[in-house]
């Protein structure tokens, strides 16, 4: 990702807006993460009900649900970080489980009658970019980026 450019007036660009919070690795924690991010986006000028807000709601819901369902380690929380970097919104969900499934590139569709396995298809469809990173000292971070409209 390239760094934000400096405006032509010579003034430095404002610092990136950042929201970081840890949540319990439970369905309630995942739901709270989604709700708080939507509230924060509204405060940053991305209104509730906009296409960007709705896309972020799905991305956070899916990534948080995956952290709770597949990345849960008893007694460990998951962490959500959302950064507004110019016109790019970066969502990072970190969990304590270190195993990385081969998530990127491409996600295969589940069997038609499967009860799960569609969350990352949604992430792939909604995010402009996404990847899985190792988290040190332990765990992994799933990153999804969304380019906001002007």
Protein backbone atom coordinates (compact mmCIF):
# COMPACT_ATOMS: atom_id res chain seq x y z
CA UNK A 1 0.00 0.00 0.00
CA UNK A 2 1.32 3.45 -0.83
CA UNK A 3 1.55 6.17 1.79
CA UNK A 4 -1.00 8.99 1.69
CA UNK A 5 0.26 11.89 -0.39
CA UNK A 6 0.93 15.41 0.91
CA UNK A 7 -1.57 18.00 -0.35
CA UNK A 8 -0.35 20.56 -2.90
CA UNK A 9 -0.59 23.35 -0.31
CA UNK A 10 2.43 21.86 1.47
CA UNK A 11 0.49 21.14 4.65
CA UNK A 12 0.81 17.66 6.08
CA UNK A 13 -2.17 15.37 5.66
CA UNK A 14 -4.10 14.75 8.89
CA UNK A 15 -3.15 11.67 10.86
CA UNK A 16 -5.02 8.48 10.08
CA UNK A 17 -8.13 7.82 12.16
CA UNK A 18 -7.77 4.61 14.17
CA UNK A 19 -10.15 2.44 16.20
CA UNK A 20 -8.63 -0.51 18.09
CA UNK A 21 -10.47 -2.72 20.58
CA UNK A 22 -10.22 -6.23 22.02
CA UNK A 23 -13.36 -8.32 22.27
CA UNK A 24 -14.21 -11.61 23.96
CA UNK A 25 -14.02 -14.56 21.58
CA UNK A 26 -17.77 -15.13 21.73
CA UNK A 27 -20.68 -14.44 19.37
CA UNK A 28 -21.56 -11.49 21.62
CA UNK A 29 -18.04 -10.10 21.19
CA UNK A 30 -18.29 -10.42 17.40
CA UNK A 31 -21.67 -8.66 17.37
CA UNK A 32 -20.36 -5.85 19.60
CA UNK A 33 -17.36 -5.40 17.30
CA UNK A 34 -19.64 -4.85 14.31
CA UNK A 35 -21.88 -2.41 16.18
CA UNK A 36 -18.99 -0.33 17.56
CA UNK A 37 -17.28 -0.12 14.17
CA UNK A 38 -20.47 1.16 12.54
CA UNK A 39 -20.77 3.79 15.27
CA UNK A 40 -17.12 4.80 14.75
CA UNK A 41 -17.55 4.99 10.96
CA UNK A 42 -20.51 7.32 11.42
CA UNK A 43 -18.35 9.56 13.63
CA UNK A 44 -15.71 9.58 10.84
CA UNK A 45 -18.29 10.71 8.28
CA UNK A 46 -19.28 7.35 6.78
CA UNK A 47 -23.03 7.41 7.49
CA UNK A 48 -25.11 4.45 8.65
CA UNK A 49 -26.91 2.80 5.76
CA UNK A 50 -24.43 3.93 3.11
CA UNK A 51 -22.98 1.35 0.75
CA UNK A 52 -19.57 1.69 2.43
CA UNK A 53 -21.05 1.30 5.92
CA UNK A 54 -23.06 -1.75 4.89
CA UNK A 55 -20.00 -3.34 3.25
CA UNK A 56 -17.89 -2.74 6.36
CA UNK A 57 -20.66 -4.24 8.51
CA UNK A 58 -20.52 -7.48 6.51
CA UNK A 59 -16.70 -7.54 6.44
CA UNK A 60 -16.36 -7.01 10.20
CA UNK A 61 -19.16 -9.49 10.94
CA UNK A 62 -17.56 -12.22 8.83
CA UNK A 63 -13.98 -11.66 10.01
CA UNK A 64 -15.02 -11.41 13.67
CA UNK A 65 -17.21 -14.52 13.36
CA UNK A 66 -14.27 -16.40 11.85
CA UNK A 67 -12.00 -15.27 14.67
CA UNK A 68 -14.55 -16.48 17.22
CA UNK A 69 -15.36 -19.74 15.43
CA UNK A 70 -12.02 -20.83 13.96
CA UNK A 71 -9.41 -18.72 15.76
CA UNK A 72 -10.61 -19.03 19.32
CA UNK A 73 -8.15 -20.05 22.00
CA UNK A 74 -9.76 -20.42 25.45
CA UNK A 75 -9.04 -17.39 27.60
CA UNK A 76 -7.82 -15.24 24.66
CA UNK A 77 -9.65 -12.34 23.05
CA UNK A 78 -9.64 -11.27 19.43
CA UNK A 79 -8.58 -7.79 18.39
CA UNK A 80 -10.20 -5.51 15.84
CA UNK A 81 -8.40 -2.53 14.35
CA UNK A 82 -9.99 -0.20 11.81
CA UNK A 83 -7.91 2.49 10.17
CA UNK A 84 -9.12 5.26 7.90
CA UNK A 85 -6.11 6.03 5.70
CA UNK A 86 -7.18 8.74 3.28
CA UNK A 87 -9.88 7.09 1.14
CA UNK A 88 -8.93 3.55 2.21
CA UNK A 89 -10.54 1.80 5.14
CA UNK A 90 -8.35 -1.00 6.54
CA UNK A 91 -9.95 -3.66 8.74
CA UNK A 92 -7.68 -5.98 10.74
CA UNK A 93 -9.00 -8.86 12.83
CA UNK A 94 -6.41 -10.75 14.87
CA UNK A 95 -6.84 -13.96 16.80
CA UNK A 96 -4.56 -16.17 18.87
CA UNK A 97 -4.67 -19.31 16.75
CA UNK A 98 -1.50 -19.62 14.75
CA UNK A 99 -2.50 -22.12 12.09
CA UNK A 100 -3.15 -20.49 8.77
CA UNK A 101 -5.44 -22.19 6.34
CA UNK A 102 -4.65 -21.48 2.69
CA UNK A 103 -7.14 -18.62 2.40
CA UNK A 104 -5.57 -16.46 -0.28
CA UNK A 105 -5.61 -16.29 -3.26
CA UNK A 106 -9.05 -17.45 -4.20
CA UNK A 107 -11.67 -19.08 -2.08
CA UNK A 108 -13.56 -22.11 -3.29
CA UNK A 109 -17.31 -22.27 -2.96
CA UNK A 110 -18.72 -24.82 -0.50
CA UNK A 111 -21.06 -27.60 -1.53
CA UNK A 112 -24.55 -26.27 -2.35
CA UNK A 113 -26.15 -27.68 0.81
CA UNK A 114 -23.24 -26.95 3.16
CA UNK A 115 -24.22 -25.00 6.29
CA UNK A 116 -21.07 -22.84 6.30
CA UNK A 117 -18.08 -21.81 4.29
CA UNK A 118 -19.46 -18.74 2.54
CA UNK A 119 -18.04 -16.02 4.78
CA UNK A 120 -14.74 -15.63 2.97
CA UNK A 121 -16.58 -15.58 -0.36
CA UNK A 122 -18.33 -12.46 0.95
CA UNK A 123 -15.03 -10.98 2.08
CA UNK A 124 -13.52 -11.65 -1.34
CA UNK A 125 -16.54 -10.08 -3.07
CA UNK A 126 -16.74 -6.94 -0.90
CA UNK A 127 -13.10 -6.11 -0.11
CA UNK A 128 -10.91 -4.44 -2.68
CA UNK A 129 -7.93 -6.30 -1.19
CA UNK A 130 -7.48 -8.85 1.58
CA UNK A 131 -4.80 -11.13 2.98
CA UNK A 132 -3.78 -13.22 5.96
CA UNK A 133 -0.69 -12.21 7.94
CA UNK A 134 1.25 -13.88 10.72
CA UNK A 135 0.84 -12.10 14.04
CA UNK A 136 3.75 -11.97 16.44
CA UNK A 137 4.33 -13.41 18.93
CA UNK A 138 1.38 -15.72 18.19
CA UNK A 139 -1.67 -15.90 15.96
CA UNK A 140 -2.77 -14.44 12.66
CA UNK A 141 -4.36 -11.26 11.35
CA UNK A 142 -6.84 -11.12 8.49
CA UNK A 143 -6.71 -7.77 6.71
CA UNK A 144 -9.42 -6.43 4.39
CA UNK A 145 -9.25 -3.07 2.65
CA UNK A 146 -12.10 -1.12 1.17
CA UNK A 147 -11.63 1.90 -1.11
CA UNK A 148 -14.21 4.50 -0.11
CA UNK A 149 -15.99 6.61 -2.72
CA UNK A 150 -15.03 10.29 -3.00
